[in-house]
Amino acid sequence: MPDQALSGPPLRVLVADDNPVVRAGLSALLSAHPDIEVVAEASNGEEAKTLTGEHRPDVVLLDVRMPGTDGLTALPELVRLTTVMMLTYSREPEVVAEALRRGASGYLVHGEFTVPELITAVRDVRRGRLTVSSSLSVSYEPNGNPSHLQSIVAQSSKAWPTRVTGLPRRTVNRLDFGLSSREVEVMDLIAAGMNNRQIAATCFISEKTVKNHINRIFAKLHSATRSEAIAHWLGTAREGWSR
């Protein structure tokens, strides 16, 4: 189903992450959508609380591990002011469970969502839908019983008027030019204007790995430059270009 933007004033977002490249990358991605406005950036939990009080964002995207006041410590105060979605590389079950207990409205793990899924998740948590990465919402114990974490997710969802949304893995099809799921993610970030360093930080991979992905992407899109690859990806390539 196509993603539906919120009507009315832009959705105001605060990004809290101690990595400046990640902050810049997320802000660029979010700001590329006319119904989303990044109103502030914070490098730790204390800054997030102060800036949330000043700017009153609709949603705070909050990292878990930050110097000084970390995300979990800041979370209880933040959720009294606005909606908070954890956006982090930390996927330890006890960390996820504690974030949900403290009032987080969502929990996304870097590398487990595409750019469109991130945008949809931000809008969904504002609408009151608890959103978690699919690997967290469908995890099971070896004996086949639902994991303790899944039980926590289910219990947390009872406080929300709509069902839990586990972000689906994006499947590759012929419209994706044969790109793998990771290559799709990298290409989405290229199209959003990120450089290799920003892509590496956002995906938590090395710049060398990013370059390897880009080389394969260019080959599959029959492109020699970023702008040509973006044109093919967005469907604006000239008819004379080979696909």
Protein backbone atom coordinates (compact mmCIF):
# COMPACT_ATOMS: atom_id res chain seq x y z
CA MET A 1 0.00 0.00 0.00
CA PRO A 2 1.45 3.43 -0.90
CA ASP A 3 2.61 5.47 2.02
CA GLN A 4 0.20 8.24 2.94
CA ALA A 5 1.61 11.51 4.23
CA LEU A 6 0.00 13.27 7.13
CA SER A 7 -2.35 16.10 6.23
CA GLY A 8 -2.13 19.49 7.89
CA PRO A 9 1.02 21.16 9.27
CA PRO A 10 4.39 19.40 8.83
CA LEU A 11 5.24 16.71 11.36
CA ARG A 12 7.96 18.19 13.59
CA VAL A 13 10.85 15.85 14.43
CA LEU A 14 13.87 16.04 16.74
CA VAL A 15 16.83 13.76 15.99
CA ALA A 16 18.99 12.69 18.96
CA ASP A 17 22.19 10.76 18.19
CA ASP A 18 25.77 11.28 19.33
CA ASN A 19 27.14 10.63 15.81
CA PRO A 20 27.01 13.92 13.85
CA VAL A 21 27.07 12.10 10.51
CA VAL A 22 24.07 9.97 11.49
CA ARG A 23 22.24 13.08 12.68
CA ALA A 24 22.97 14.91 9.44
CA GLY A 25 21.98 11.92 7.35
CA LEU A 26 18.69 11.35 9.16
CA SER A 27 17.87 15.06 9.05
CA ALA A 28 18.52 15.15 5.30
CA LEU A 29 16.35 12.10 4.69
CA LEU A 30 13.46 13.37 6.78
CA SER A 31 13.61 16.94 5.51
CA ALA A 32 13.36 15.70 1.92
CA HIS A 33 9.66 15.04 2.60
CA PRO A 34 7.43 18.14 2.56
CA ASP A 35 5.23 16.90 5.41
CA ILE A 36 8.20 16.44 7.79
CA GLU A 37 10.31 19.18 9.40
CA VAL A 38 13.42 18.50 11.50
CA VAL A 39 13.24 21.21 14.16
CA ALA A 40 16.36 20.31 16.20
CA GLU A 41 19.26 17.89 16.63
CA ALA A 42 20.70 16.65 19.92
CA SER A 43 23.93 14.80 20.71
CA ASN A 44 22.82 13.24 24.02
CA GLY A 45 19.81 12.67 26.23
CA GLU A 46 20.18 15.89 28.22
CA GLU A 47 20.24 17.99 25.06
CA ALA A 48 17.26 16.04 23.77
CA LYS A 49 15.24 16.91 26.87
CA THR A 50 16.19 20.59 26.73
CA LEU A 51 15.50 20.95 23.01
CA THR A 52 12.24 19.01 23.27
CA GLY A 53 11.07 21.47 25.90
CA GLU A 54 12.03 24.38 23.66
CA HIS A 55 10.77 23.13 20.29
CA ARG A 56 7.94 20.76 21.27
CA PRO A 57 8.48 18.28 18.40
CA ASP A 58 5.78 15.78 17.48
CA VAL A 59 8.27 12.91 17.43
CA VAL A 60 11.75 12.40 18.90
CA LEU A 61 14.06 9.87 17.24
CA LEU A 62 16.29 8.72 20.09
CA ASP A 63 19.52 6.72 20.10
CA VAL A 64 20.13 4.39 23.06
CA ARG A 65 23.84 4.75 23.75
CA MET A 66 25.06 8.35 23.98
CA PRO A 67 27.66 10.03 26.21
CA GLY A 68 26.46 11.72 29.36
CA THR A 69 22.71 11.15 29.60
CA ASP A 70 21.86 8.15 27.44
CA GLY A 71 18.60 7.50 25.63
CA LEU A 72 17.06 5.14 28.18
CA THR A 73 17.79 7.56 31.02
CA ALA A 74 16.20 10.48 29.15
CA LEU A 75 13.24 8.45 27.90
CA PRO A 76 10.80 8.72 30.85
CA GLU A 77 10.98 12.52 30.85
CA LEU A 78 10.77 12.75 27.07
CA VAL A 79 7.64 10.60 26.80
CA ARG A 80 5.88 12.99 29.16
CA LEU A 81 6.44 15.71 26.56
CA THR A 82 6.02 13.96 23.21
CA THR A 83 6.12 10.70 21.22
CA VAL A 84 9.50 8.94 21.19
CA MET A 85 10.79 6.30 18.80
CA MET A 86 14.11 4.61 19.47
CA LEU A 87 16.35 4.61 16.39
CA THR A 88 19.56 2.80 17.20
CA TYR A 89 21.91 -0.08 16.45
CA SER A 90 21.24 -1.62 19.90
CA ARG A 91 19.05 -4.69 19.50
CA GLU A 92 19.72 -6.50 22.80
CA PRO A 93 16.37 -7.89 24.05
CA GLU A 94 16.77 -6.39 27.51
CA VAL A 95 17.44 -2.94 26.05
CA VAL A 96 14.44 -3.12 23.71
CA ALA A 97 12.19 -4.36 26.51
CA GLU A 98 13.32 -1.60 28.87
CA ALA A 99 12.74 1.08 26.22
CA LEU A 100 9.18 -0.15 25.66
CA ARG A 101 8.55 -0.33 29.41
CA ARG A 102 9.70 3.28 29.75
CA GLY A 103 7.22 4.45 27.15
CA ALA A 104 8.92 4.34 23.73
CA SER A 105 6.33 4.26 20.94
CA GLY A 106 8.61 2.38 18.56
CA TYR A 107 11.99 0.71 18.22
CA LEU A 108 13.89 0.54 14.92
CA VAL A 109 17.31 -1.04 14.44
CA HIS A 110 19.70 0.49 11.91
CA GLY A 111 20.17 -1.75 8.90
CA GLU A 112 16.74 -3.38 9.26
CA PHE A 113 14.64 -0.85 7.39
CA THR A 114 14.65 1.04 4.12
CA VAL A 115 14.31 4.81 3.81
CA PRO A 116 10.60 4.63 2.84
CA GLU A 117 9.95 2.35 5.82
CA LEU A 118 11.63 4.84 8.14
CA ILE A 119 9.43 7.67 6.87
CA THR A 120 6.32 5.51 7.27
CA ALA A 121 7.37 4.51 10.80
CA VAL A 122 7.82 8.13 11.88
CA ARG A 123 4.34 8.96 10.63
CA ASP A 124 2.86 5.80 12.16
CA VAL A 125 4.14 6.42 15.69
CA ARG A 126 2.70 9.92 15.53
CA ARG A 127 -0.65 8.37 14.62
CA GLY A 128 -0.42 6.10 17.67
CA ARG A 129 0.84 2.87 16.13
CA LEU A 130 3.57 1.01 18.01
CA THR A 131 6.22 0.21 15.39
CA VAL A 132 9.16 -2.15 15.85
CA SER A 133 11.71 -3.75 13.54
CA SER A 134 10.38 -7.06 12.21
CA SER A 135 13.22 -9.06 13.73
CA LEU A 136 12.14 -7.86 17.18
CA SER A 137 8.40 -8.37 16.75
CA VAL A 138 8.60 -11.96 15.48
CA SER A 139 11.48 -13.42 17.51
CA TYR A 140 11.00 -16.87 19.05
CA GLU A 141 12.78 -19.11 21.52
CA PRO A 142 14.41 -22.37 20.28
CA ASN A 143 11.42 -24.37 21.62
CA GLY A 144 9.07 -22.48 19.30
CA ASN A 145 7.42 -20.38 22.01
CA PRO A 146 7.24 -16.60 21.69
CA SER A 147 10.29 -14.91 23.20
CA HIS A 148 10.11 -12.78 26.32
CA LEU A 149 10.80 -9.77 24.10
CA GLN A 150 7.87 -10.59 21.84
CA SER A 151 5.66 -10.81 24.92
CA ILE A 152 6.87 -7.35 25.99
CA VAL A 153 6.06 -5.97 22.54
CA ALA A 154 2.59 -7.51 22.69
CA GLN A 155 1.96 -6.10 26.17
CA SER A 156 3.19 -2.65 25.13
CA SER A 157 0.85 -2.61 22.15
CA LYS A 158 -2.18 -2.83 24.45
CA ALA A 159 -1.62 0.78 25.44
CA TRP A 160 -2.02 1.88 21.81
CA PRO A 161 -5.24 2.13 19.79
CA THR A 162 -3.87 0.31 16.74
CA ARG A 163 -1.96 -2.89 16.13
CA VAL A 164 1.80 -3.42 16.34
CA THR A 165 3.49 -2.89 13.00
CA GLY A 166 6.58 -4.98 12.28
CA LEU A 167 8.38 -3.37 9.36
CA PRO A 168 8.47 -5.87 6.49
CA ARG A 169 11.68 -6.71 4.73
CA ARG A 170 11.69 -5.12 1.31
CA THR A 171 11.72 -7.84 -1.34
CA VAL A 172 13.69 -7.49 -4.54
CA ASN A 173 11.70 -7.39 -7.77
CA ARG A 174 12.35 -6.45 -11.36
CA LEU A 175 11.67 -2.79 -10.61
CA ASP A 176 14.66 -2.85 -8.27
CA PHE A 177 16.98 -3.71 -11.18
CA GLY A 178 18.05 -6.90 -9.42
CA LEU A 179 19.56 -5.04 -6.45
CA SER A 180 19.88 -6.86 -3.14
CA SER A 181 18.02 -5.50 -0.11
CA ARG A 182 21.21 -3.81 1.15
CA GLU A 183 21.91 -2.33 -2.30
CA VAL A 184 18.34 -1.00 -2.38
CA GLU A 185 18.96 0.69 0.96
CA VAL A 186 22.26 2.20 -0.24
CA MET A 187 20.66 3.39 -3.48
CA ASP A 188 17.82 5.02 -1.55
CA LEU A 189 20.42 6.90 0.50
CA ILE A 190 22.32 7.94 -2.63
CA ALA A 191 19.08 9.27 -4.10
CA ALA A 192 18.51 11.21 -0.87
CA GLY A 193 21.82 13.01 -1.44
CA MET A 194 24.06 11.27 1.08
CA ASN A 195 27.79 10.90 0.47
CA ASN A 196 29.71 7.67 1.15
CA ARG A 197 30.67 8.68 4.69
CA GLN A 198 27.07 9.46 5.61
CA ILE A 199 25.83 6.21 4.07
CA ALA A 200 28.46 4.26 6.01
CA ALA A 201 27.42 5.87 9.30
CA THR A 202 23.71 5.42 8.64
CA CYS A 203 24.08 1.73 7.70
CA PHE A 204 26.84 1.03 10.25
CA ILE A 205 29.19 -0.33 7.61
CA SER A 206 32.64 0.79 6.42
CA GLU A 207 33.17 3.29 3.60
CA LYS A 208 34.98 0.54 1.68
CA THR A 209 31.86 -1.63 1.91
CA VAL A 210 29.76 1.31 0.70
CA LYS A 211 32.06 1.72 -2.32
CA ASN A 212 31.73 -1.99 -3.11
CA HIS A 213 27.93 -1.72 -2.95
CA ILE A 214 27.98 1.35 -5.19
CA ASN A 215 30.15 -0.38 -7.78
CA ARG A 216 27.67 -3.25 -7.96
CA ILE A 217 24.73 -0.84 -8.06
CA PHE A 218 26.24 1.13 -10.93
CA ALA A 219 26.81 -2.11 -12.87
CA LYS A 220 23.21 -3.27 -12.37
CA LEU A 221 21.78 0.16 -13.24
CA HIS A 222 24.17 0.53 -16.22
CA SER A 223 25.27 3.86 -14.80
CA ALA A 224 28.65 5.57 -14.63
CA THR A 225 27.82 8.40 -12.23
CA ARG A 226 25.67 9.06 -9.16
CA SER A 227 23.37 11.39 -11.07
CA GLU A 228 22.82 8.82 -13.82
CA ALA A 229 22.12 6.09 -11.26
CA ILE A 230 19.65 8.35 -9.45
CA ALA A 231 17.92 9.12 -12.73
CA HIS A 232 17.48 5.41 -13.47
CA TRP A 233 16.40 4.69 -9.90
CA LEU A 234 13.78 7.41 -9.84
CA GLY A 235 12.52 6.55 -13.30
CA THR A 236 13.64 9.76 -14.96
CA ALA A 237 16.40 8.35 -17.19
CA ARG A 238 16.38 9.31 -20.84
CA GLU A 239 14.98 6.66 -23.16
CA GLY A 240 18.36 6.35 -24.85
CA TRP A 241 20.05 5.14 -21.67
CA SER A 242 20.30 1.40 -21.31
CA ARG A 243 18.56 -0.32 -18.40
